[in-house]
Amino acid sequence: MIRFERLSKRYGTITAVRDLTFEVRPGEVYALLGPNGAGKTTALRCLATLLRPTAGRVSVAEVDVVADPIGTRRRIAFLAASMGLYERLSARELVAYFGLLHGLSGRALDDRVEELVVLFGIDGFADRLCGRLSTGQRQRVAVARALVHDPPALVLDEPTLGLDVLSGQTIYDFITRERRRGKAILLSTHQMAEVELLADRVGVLTRGELVAEGTTDELIARAGAPNLARAFLELVACNR
């Protein structure tokens, strides 16, 4: 569903991502881990058509992101770490606006917006301007906005950023439900507990290269570590 094939991205003499190859299958949560500056955000932005790869290929449901960026955007939900909400729109208006951009209209749009408002607990502040929302409230609206067109692939960069435990659980439940519906979900996070709870497979990225891949149990065993957090530190240290 989501496929990276020897993706490289360079900025002048700096290589942010080098020969990155992995795939996310339908009905799978794949967690991409890495320290700050490892190249995770660059890779995700190439996937989301925000950056053009220097070399290699990225595709979603067999659609090449460079050859058909509009088709790619129809097939993915991209939640960026920076929310970028329009502060003068209400939460409900914002989600509806992005639904319109994705071709929804009429009763189908209204029903989808209300479904997401209820699903993510937005109903208590749905008609409040986004500029007056708390960080956690803004994050829930950002998630709903990204998912309004119900695409087959989800790309989630720190989806529980700023959320309390209960709100975070809402996101976990949603990810679990979407996996059961057959969605391919690429998750980038620094929260190891999230990875252990949600991920079917994990990739570890450092210095722009994928240095390890497998289930959480496989990575823990490979590193000889007691848990995923320790395994991650060991794998990154070994590949500096």
C-alpha atoms as a PDB file:
ATOM      1  CA  MET A   1       0.000   0.000   0.000  1.00  0.00           C
ATOM      2  CA  ILE A   2       2.740   2.496   1.042  1.00  0.00           C
ATOM      3  CA  ARG A   3       6.113   1.740  -0.533  1.00  0.00           C
ATOM      4  CA  PHE A   4       9.488   3.459  -0.295  1.00  0.00           C
ATOM      5  CA  GLU A   5      11.998   2.239  -2.883  1.00  0.00           C
ATOM      6  CA  ARG A   6      15.567   3.488  -2.426  1.00  0.00           C
ATOM      7  CA  LEU A   7      14.329   6.974  -1.561  1.00  0.00           C
ATOM      8  CA  SER A   8      17.025   9.607  -1.185  1.00  0.00           C
ATOM      9  CA  LYS A   9      16.663  13.296  -0.445  1.00  0.00           C
ATOM     10  CA  ARG A  10      19.584  15.716  -0.515  1.00  0.00           C
ATOM     11  CA  TYR A  11      19.843  19.401   0.337  1.00  0.00           C
ATOM     12  CA  GLY A  12      22.991  20.528  -1.430  1.00  0.00           C
ATOM     13  CA  THR A  13      25.812  18.501   0.091  1.00  0.00           C
ATOM     14  CA  ILE A  14      23.644  17.225   2.964  1.00  0.00           C
ATOM     15  CA  THR A  15      21.871  13.883   2.560  1.00  0.00           C
ATOM     16  CA  ALA A  16      18.793  13.811   4.790  1.00  0.00           C
ATOM     17  CA  VAL A  17      17.557  10.388   3.625  1.00  0.00           C
ATOM     18  CA  ARG A  18      19.636   7.728   1.891  1.00  0.00           C
ATOM     19  CA  ASP A  19      18.340   4.658  -0.007  1.00  0.00           C
ATOM     20  CA  LEU A  20      15.285   4.254   2.228  1.00  0.00           C
ATOM     21  CA  THR A  21      13.333   1.096   1.396  1.00  0.00           C
ATOM     22  CA  PHE A  22      10.352  -0.314   3.294  1.00  0.00           C
ATOM     23  CA  GLU A  23       6.641  -0.894   2.852  1.00  0.00           C
ATOM     24  CA  VAL A  24       3.477  -0.623   4.918  1.00  0.00           C
ATOM     25  CA  ARG A  25       0.904  -3.278   4.097  1.00  0.00           C
ATOM     26  CA  PRO A  26      -2.884  -3.007   4.219  1.00  0.00           C
ATOM     27  CA  GLY A  27      -4.125  -3.699   7.742  1.00  0.00           C
ATOM     28  CA  GLU A  28      -0.720  -2.926   9.292  1.00  0.00           C
ATOM     29  CA  VAL A  29       0.644  -0.265  11.636  1.00  0.00           C
ATOM     30  CA  TYR A  30       4.291   0.471  10.850  1.00  0.00           C
ATOM     31  CA  ALA A  31       6.140   2.688  13.347  1.00  0.00           C
ATOM     32  CA  LEU A  32       9.073   4.704  12.029  1.00  0.00           C
ATOM     33  CA  LEU A  33      11.426   5.598  14.872  1.00  0.00           C
ATOM     34  CA  GLY A  34      14.509   7.756  14.958  1.00  0.00           C
ATOM     35  CA  PRO A  35      16.254  10.486  16.950  1.00  0.00           C
ATOM     36  CA  ASN A  36      15.767  14.133  16.033  1.00  0.00           C
ATOM     37  CA  GLY A  37      17.420  14.831  12.691  1.00  0.00           C
ATOM     38  CA  ALA A  38      17.287  11.199  11.580  1.00  0.00           C
ATOM     39  CA  GLY A  39      15.284  12.010   8.439  1.00  0.00           C
ATOM     40  CA  LYS A  40      11.795  10.876   9.508  1.00  0.00           C
ATOM     41  CA  THR A  41      10.055  14.161   8.731  1.00  0.00           C
ATOM     42  CA  THR A  42      11.827  14.465   5.376  1.00  0.00           C
ATOM     43  CA  ALA A  43      10.717  10.960   4.401  1.00  0.00           C
ATOM     44  CA  LEU A  44       7.126  11.645   5.428  1.00  0.00           C
ATOM     45  CA  ARG A  45       7.070  14.944   3.518  1.00  0.00           C
ATOM     46  CA  CYS A  46       8.278  13.173   0.385  1.00  0.00           C
ATOM     47  CA  LEU A  47       5.430  10.695   0.828  1.00  0.00           C
ATOM     48  CA  ALA A  48       2.924  13.518   1.340  1.00  0.00           C
ATOM     49  CA  THR A  49       4.120  15.244  -1.897  1.00  0.00           C
ATOM     50  CA  LEU A  50       5.451  18.240   0.058  1.00  0.00           C
ATOM     51  CA  LEU A  51       9.043  17.500  -0.986  1.00  0.00           C
ATOM     52  CA  ARG A  52      10.357  16.062  -4.238  1.00  0.00           C
ATOM     53  CA  PRO A  53      12.727  13.101  -3.812  1.00  0.00           C
ATOM     54  CA  THR A  54      16.237  13.462  -5.173  1.00  0.00           C
ATOM     55  CA  ALA A  55      16.283   9.788  -6.151  1.00  0.00           C
ATOM     56  CA  GLY A  56      14.199   6.675  -5.688  1.00  0.00           C
ATOM     57  CA  ARG A  57      10.442   6.249  -5.639  1.00  0.00           C
ATOM     58  CA  VAL A  58       7.540   6.490  -3.202  1.00  0.00           C
ATOM     59  CA  SER A  59       4.065   5.182  -3.987  1.00  0.00           C
ATOM     60  CA  VAL A  60       0.664   4.791  -2.333  1.00  0.00           C
ATOM     61  CA  ALA A  61      -1.659   2.086  -3.656  1.00  0.00           C
ATOM     62  CA  GLU A  62       0.590   1.856  -6.757  1.00  0.00           C
ATOM     63  CA  VAL A  63       0.290   5.624  -7.376  1.00  0.00           C
ATOM     64  CA  ASP A  64       3.665   7.342  -7.744  1.00  0.00           C
ATOM     65  CA  VAL A  65       3.797  10.443  -5.539  1.00  0.00           C
ATOM     66  CA  VAL A  66       5.831  12.451  -8.060  1.00  0.00           C
ATOM     67  CA  ALA A  67       3.935  11.394 -11.183  1.00  0.00           C
ATOM     68  CA  ASP A  68       0.498  11.898  -9.609  1.00  0.00           C
ATOM     69  CA  PRO A  69       0.603  14.117  -6.506  1.00  0.00           C
ATOM     70  CA  ILE A  70      -3.156  14.850  -6.594  1.00  0.00           C
ATOM     71  CA  GLY A  71      -3.977  11.164  -6.787  1.00  0.00           C
ATOM     72  CA  THR A  72      -1.597  10.535  -3.900  1.00  0.00           C
ATOM     73  CA  ARG A  73      -3.313  13.128  -1.712  1.00  0.00           C
ATOM     74  CA  ARG A  74      -6.666  11.480  -2.341  1.00  0.00           C
ATOM     75  CA  ARG A  75      -5.246   8.231  -1.003  1.00  0.00           C
ATOM     76  CA  ILE A  76      -3.546   9.432   2.177  1.00  0.00           C
ATOM     77  CA  ALA A  77      -4.382  11.239   5.372  1.00  0.00           C
ATOM     78  CA  PHE A  78      -1.328  13.214   6.456  1.00  0.00           C
ATOM     79  CA  LEU A  79      -1.172  14.478  10.025  1.00  0.00           C
ATOM     80  CA  ALA A  80       1.864  16.734  10.401  1.00  0.00           C
ATOM     81  CA  ALA A  81       3.497  17.485  13.733  1.00  0.00           C
ATOM     82  CA  SER A  82       2.733  21.186  13.154  1.00  0.00           C
ATOM     83  CA  MET A  83      -1.056  21.533  13.178  1.00  0.00           C
ATOM     84  CA  GLY A  84      -1.466  24.742  11.172  1.00  0.00           C
ATOM     85  CA  LEU A  85      -5.188  25.272  11.833  1.00  0.00           C
ATOM     86  CA  TYR A  86      -7.051  28.277  10.451  1.00  0.00           C
ATOM     87  CA  GLU A  87      -7.668  30.215  13.639  1.00  0.00           C
ATOM     88  CA  ARG A  88     -10.728  32.148  12.401  1.00  0.00           C
ATOM     89  CA  LEU A  89     -12.685  29.014  11.505  1.00  0.00           C
ATOM     90  CA  SER A  90     -14.530  26.962  14.088  1.00  0.00           C
ATOM     91  CA  ALA A  91     -13.484  23.350  14.570  1.00  0.00           C
ATOM     92  CA  ARG A  92     -16.562  22.145  12.698  1.00  0.00           C
ATOM     93  CA  GLU A  93     -16.043  24.639   9.862  1.00  0.00           C
ATOM     94  CA  LEU A  94     -12.405  23.619   9.487  1.00  0.00           C
ATOM     95  CA  VAL A  95     -13.166  19.906   9.157  1.00  0.00           C
ATOM     96  CA  ALA A  96     -16.002  20.666   6.707  1.00  0.00           C
ATOM     97  CA  TYR A  97     -13.748  22.951   4.635  1.00  0.00           C
ATOM     98  CA  PHE A  98     -11.172  20.209   4.152  1.00  0.00           C
ATOM     99  CA  GLY A  99     -13.966  17.788   3.323  1.00  0.00           C
ATOM    100  CA  LEU A 100     -15.008  20.146   0.525  1.00  0.00           C
ATOM    101  CA  LEU A 101     -11.427  20.277  -0.735  1.00  0.00           C
ATOM    102  CA  HIS A 102     -11.488  16.476  -0.969  1.00  0.00           C
ATOM    103  CA  GLY A 103     -14.699  16.470  -2.986  1.00  0.00           C
ATOM    104  CA  LEU A 104     -17.281  15.764  -0.289  1.00  0.00           C
ATOM    105  CA  SER A 105     -20.511  17.740  -0.343  1.00  0.00           C
ATOM    106  CA  GLY A 106     -24.109  17.810   0.822  1.00  0.00           C
ATOM    107  CA  ARG A 107     -25.401  15.156   3.186  1.00  0.00           C
ATOM    108  CA  ALA A 108     -22.280  12.989   2.801  1.00  0.00           C
ATOM    109  CA  LEU A 109     -20.095  15.865   4.004  1.00  0.00           C
ATOM    110  CA  ASP A 110     -22.393  16.748   6.903  1.00  0.00           C
ATOM    111  CA  ASP A 111     -22.576  13.125   8.046  1.00  0.00           C
ATOM    112  CA  ARG A 112     -18.805  12.658   7.860  1.00  0.00           C
ATOM    113  CA  VAL A 113     -18.091  15.844   9.803  1.00  0.00           C
ATOM    114  CA  GLU A 114     -20.544  14.869  12.549  1.00  0.00           C
ATOM    115  CA  GLU A 115     -19.080  11.358  12.691  1.00  0.00           C
ATOM    116  CA  LEU A 116     -15.602  12.764  13.310  1.00  0.00           C
ATOM    117  CA  VAL A 117     -16.862  15.387  15.775  1.00  0.00           C
ATOM    118  CA  VAL A 118     -18.341  12.618  17.917  1.00  0.00           C
ATOM    119  CA  LEU A 119     -15.521  10.115  17.340  1.00  0.00           C
ATOM    120  CA  PHE A 120     -12.789  12.473  18.568  1.00  0.00           C
ATOM    121  CA  GLY A 121     -14.802  14.165  21.307  1.00  0.00           C
ATOM    122  CA  ILE A 122     -14.924  17.510  19.524  1.00  0.00           C
ATOM    123  CA  ASP A 123     -18.644  18.061  20.138  1.00  0.00           C
ATOM    124  CA  GLY A 124     -18.053  20.124  23.290  1.00  0.00           C
ATOM    125  CA  PHE A 125     -16.088  22.772  21.358  1.00  0.00           C
ATOM    126  CA  ALA A 126     -17.054  22.146  17.719  1.00  0.00           C
ATOM    127  CA  ASP A 127     -18.362  25.689  17.229  1.00  0.00           C
ATOM    128  CA  ARG A 128     -15.476  27.427  18.994  1.00  0.00           C
ATOM    129  CA  LEU A 129     -12.846  29.195  16.868  1.00  0.00           C
ATOM    130  CA  CYS A 130      -9.676  27.148  16.418  1.00  0.00           C
ATOM    131  CA  GLY A 131      -7.613  30.094  17.661  1.00  0.00           C
ATOM    132  CA  ARG A 132      -9.273  29.721  21.068  1.00  0.00           C
ATOM    133  CA  LEU A 133      -8.722  25.988  21.514  1.00  0.00           C
ATOM    134  CA  SER A 134      -6.254  24.323  23.877  1.00  0.00           C
ATOM    135  CA  THR A 135      -3.329  22.336  22.504  1.00  0.00           C
ATOM    136  CA  GLY A 136      -5.100  19.031  23.065  1.00  0.00           C
ATOM    137  CA  GLN A 137      -8.306  20.280  21.470  1.00  0.00           C
ATOM    138  CA  ARG A 138      -6.392  21.592  18.453  1.00  0.00           C
ATOM    139  CA  GLN A 139      -4.693  18.234  18.027  1.00  0.00           C
ATOM    140  CA  ARG A 140      -8.017  16.400  17.946  1.00  0.00           C
ATOM    141  CA  VAL A 141      -9.309  18.817  15.316  1.00  0.00           C
ATOM    142  CA  ALA A 142      -6.118  18.328  13.282  1.00  0.00           C
ATOM    143  CA  VAL A 143      -6.612  14.559  13.332  1.00  0.00           C
ATOM    144  CA  ALA A 144     -10.256  14.886  12.231  1.00  0.00           C
ATOM    145  CA  ARG A 145      -9.238  17.274   9.429  1.00  0.00           C
ATOM    146  CA  ALA A 146      -6.622  14.841   8.126  1.00  0.00           C
ATOM    147  CA  LEU A 147      -9.047  11.912   8.096  1.00  0.00           C
ATOM    148  CA  VAL A 148     -12.161  13.599   6.713  1.00  0.00           C
ATOM    149  CA  HIS A 149     -11.959  11.918   3.272  1.00  0.00           C
ATOM    150  CA  ASP A 150     -11.466   8.414   4.750  1.00  0.00           C
ATOM    151  CA  PRO A 151      -8.455   7.407   2.607  1.00  0.00           C
ATOM    152  CA  PRO A 152      -6.873   3.915   2.505  1.00  0.00           C
ATOM    153  CA  ALA A 153      -3.507   5.054   3.932  1.00  0.00           C
ATOM    154  CA  LEU A 154      -2.841   7.077   7.088  1.00  0.00           C
ATOM    155  CA  VAL A 155       0.421   8.931   7.779  1.00  0.00           C
ATOM    156  CA  LEU A 156       0.490  10.090  11.389  1.00  0.00           C
ATOM    157  CA  ASP A 157       3.350  12.205  12.721  1.00  0.00           C
ATOM    158  CA  GLU A 158       3.095  12.386  16.539  1.00  0.00           C
ATOM    159  CA  PRO A 159      -0.716  11.919  16.578  1.00  0.00           C
ATOM    160  CA  THR A 160      -1.042  12.133  20.383  1.00  0.00           C
ATOM    161  CA  LEU A 161       1.111  15.242  20.792  1.00  0.00           C
ATOM    162  CA  GLY A 162      -0.380  17.438  23.525  1.00  0.00           C
ATOM    163  CA  LEU A 163      -3.157  15.005  24.411  1.00  0.00           C
ATOM    164  CA  ASP A 164      -4.014  13.790  27.901  1.00  0.00           C
ATOM    165  CA  VAL A 165      -4.353  10.073  28.656  1.00  0.00           C
ATOM    166  CA  LEU A 166      -8.068   9.858  27.834  1.00  0.00           C
ATOM    167  CA  SER A 167      -7.735  11.783  24.575  1.00  0.00           C
ATOM    168  CA  GLY A 168      -4.721   9.699  23.645  1.00  0.00           C
ATOM    169  CA  GLN A 169      -6.744   6.534  24.198  1.00  0.00           C
ATOM    170  CA  THR A 170      -9.322   7.852  21.723  1.00  0.00           C
ATOM    171  CA  ILE A 171      -6.570   8.048  19.098  1.00  0.00           C
ATOM    172  CA  TYR A 172      -5.315   4.563  19.964  1.00  0.00           C
ATOM    173  CA  ASP A 173      -8.825   3.137  19.615  1.00  0.00           C
ATOM    174  CA  PHE A 174      -9.217   4.868  16.270  1.00  0.00           C
ATOM    175  CA  ILE A 175      -5.900   3.525  14.930  1.00  0.00           C
ATOM    176  CA  THR A 176      -6.853   0.014  16.038  1.00  0.00           C
ATOM    177  CA  ARG A 177     -10.229   0.322  14.307  1.00  0.00           C
ATOM    178  CA  GLU A 178      -8.708   1.630  11.080  1.00  0.00           C
ATOM    179  CA  ARG A 179      -6.183  -1.208  11.033  1.00  0.00           C
ATOM    180  CA  ARG A 180      -9.073  -3.673  11.283  1.00  0.00           C
ATOM    181  CA  ARG A 181     -10.684  -1.899   8.326  1.00  0.00           C
ATOM    182  CA  GLY A 182      -7.577  -2.680   6.284  1.00  0.00           C
ATOM    183  CA  LYS A 183      -5.897   0.734   6.334  1.00  0.00           C
ATOM    184  CA  ALA A 184      -2.123   0.998   5.934  1.00  0.00           C
ATOM    185  CA  ILE A 185      -0.899   3.172   8.804  1.00  0.00           C
ATOM    186  CA  LEU A 186       2.552   4.762   8.989  1.00  0.00           C
ATOM    187  CA  LEU A 187       3.174   6.129  12.469  1.00  0.00           C
ATOM    188  CA  SER A 188       6.053   8.358  13.530  1.00  0.00           C
ATOM    189  CA  THR A 189       6.371   8.915  17.268  1.00  0.00           C
ATOM    190  CA  HIS A 190       8.838   9.284  20.141  1.00  0.00           C
ATOM    191  CA  GLN A 191       6.479   7.478  22.517  1.00  0.00           C
ATOM    192  CA  MET A 192       7.763   3.907  22.894  1.00  0.00           C
ATOM    193  CA  ALA A 193       4.629   2.866  24.805  1.00  0.00           C
ATOM    194  CA  GLU A 194       2.557   3.802  21.741  1.00  0.00           C
ATOM    195  CA  VAL A 195       4.783   1.692  19.527  1.00  0.00           C
ATOM    196  CA  GLU A 196       4.575  -1.345  21.803  1.00  0.00           C
ATOM    197  CA  LEU A 197       0.797  -0.962  22.007  1.00  0.00           C
ATOM    198  CA  LEU A 198       0.030  -0.332  18.330  1.00  0.00           C
ATOM    199  CA  ALA A 199       2.806  -1.309  15.929  1.00  0.00           C
ATOM    200  CA  ASP A 200       2.927  -4.540  13.953  1.00  0.00           C
ATOM    201  CA  ARG A 201       6.397  -3.692  12.666  1.00  0.00           C
ATOM    202  CA  VAL A 202       9.010  -1.071  13.484  1.00  0.00           C
ATOM    203  CA  GLY A 203      11.712   0.607  11.438  1.00  0.00           C
ATOM    204  CA  VAL A 204      14.626   2.444  13.069  1.00  0.00           C
ATOM    205  CA  LEU A 205      16.044   5.363  11.102  1.00  0.00           C
ATOM    206  CA  THR A 206      19.282   7.123  11.955  1.00  0.00           C
ATOM    207  CA  ARG A 207      21.480   9.462   9.919  1.00  0.00           C
ATOM    208  CA  GLY A 208      18.984   9.074   7.066  1.00  0.00           C
ATOM    209  CA  GLU A 209      19.308   5.297   6.804  1.00  0.00           C
ATOM    210  CA  LEU A 210      17.097   2.418   7.943  1.00  0.00           C
ATOM    211  CA  VAL A 211      19.322   0.456  10.312  1.00  0.00           C
ATOM    212  CA  ALA A 212      16.851  -2.047  11.755  1.00  0.00           C
ATOM    213  CA  GLU A 213      13.391  -3.404  11.009  1.00  0.00           C
ATOM    214  CA  GLY A 214      11.129  -6.002  12.595  1.00  0.00           C
ATOM    215  CA  THR A 215       8.523  -6.565  15.257  1.00  0.00           C
ATOM    216  CA  THR A 216       9.100  -5.033  18.687  1.00  0.00           C
ATOM    217  CA  ASP A 217      10.052  -8.462  20.036  1.00  0.00           C
ATOM    218  CA  GLU A 218      12.539  -8.980  17.204  1.00  0.00           C
ATOM    219  CA  LEU A 219      14.222  -5.622  17.783  1.00  0.00           C
ATOM    220  CA  ILE A 220      14.413  -6.198  21.526  1.00  0.00           C
ATOM    221  CA  ALA A 221      15.987  -9.611  20.944  1.00  0.00           C
ATOM    222  CA  ARG A 222      18.418  -8.247  18.351  1.00  0.00           C
ATOM    223  CA  ALA A 223      19.636  -5.558  20.747  1.00  0.00           C
ATOM    224  CA  GLY A 224      19.654  -7.851  23.770  1.00  0.00           C
ATOM    225  CA  ALA A 225      17.656  -5.237  25.621  1.00  0.00           C
ATOM    226  CA  PRO A 226      14.923  -5.498  28.292  1.00  0.00           C
ATOM    227  CA  ASN A 227      12.437  -3.275  26.446  1.00  0.00           C
ATOM    228  CA  LEU A 228      11.921  -1.320  23.233  1.00  0.00           C
ATOM    229  CA  ALA A 229      13.241   1.977  24.599  1.00  0.00           C
ATOM    230  CA  ARG A 230      16.551   0.353  25.534  1.00  0.00           C
ATOM    231  CA  ALA A 231      16.648  -1.523  22.228  1.00  0.00           C
ATOM    232  CA  PHE A 232      16.124   1.713  20.313  1.00  0.00           C
ATOM    233  CA  LEU A 233      18.984   3.433  22.156  1.00  0.00           C
ATOM    234  CA  GLU A 234      21.268   0.481  21.530  1.00  0.00           C
ATOM    235  CA  LEU A 235      20.439   0.274  17.807  1.00  0.00           C
ATOM    236  CA  VAL A 236      20.949   4.011  17.313  1.00  0.00           C
ATOM    237  CA  ALA A 237      24.243   3.972  19.264  1.00  0.00           C
ATOM    238  CA  CYS A 238      25.579   1.108  17.179  1.00  0.00           C
ATOM    239  CA  ASN A 239      24.939   3.000  13.957  1.00  0.00           C
ATOM    240  CA  ARG A 240      26.285   6.457  14.730  1.00  0.00           C
END
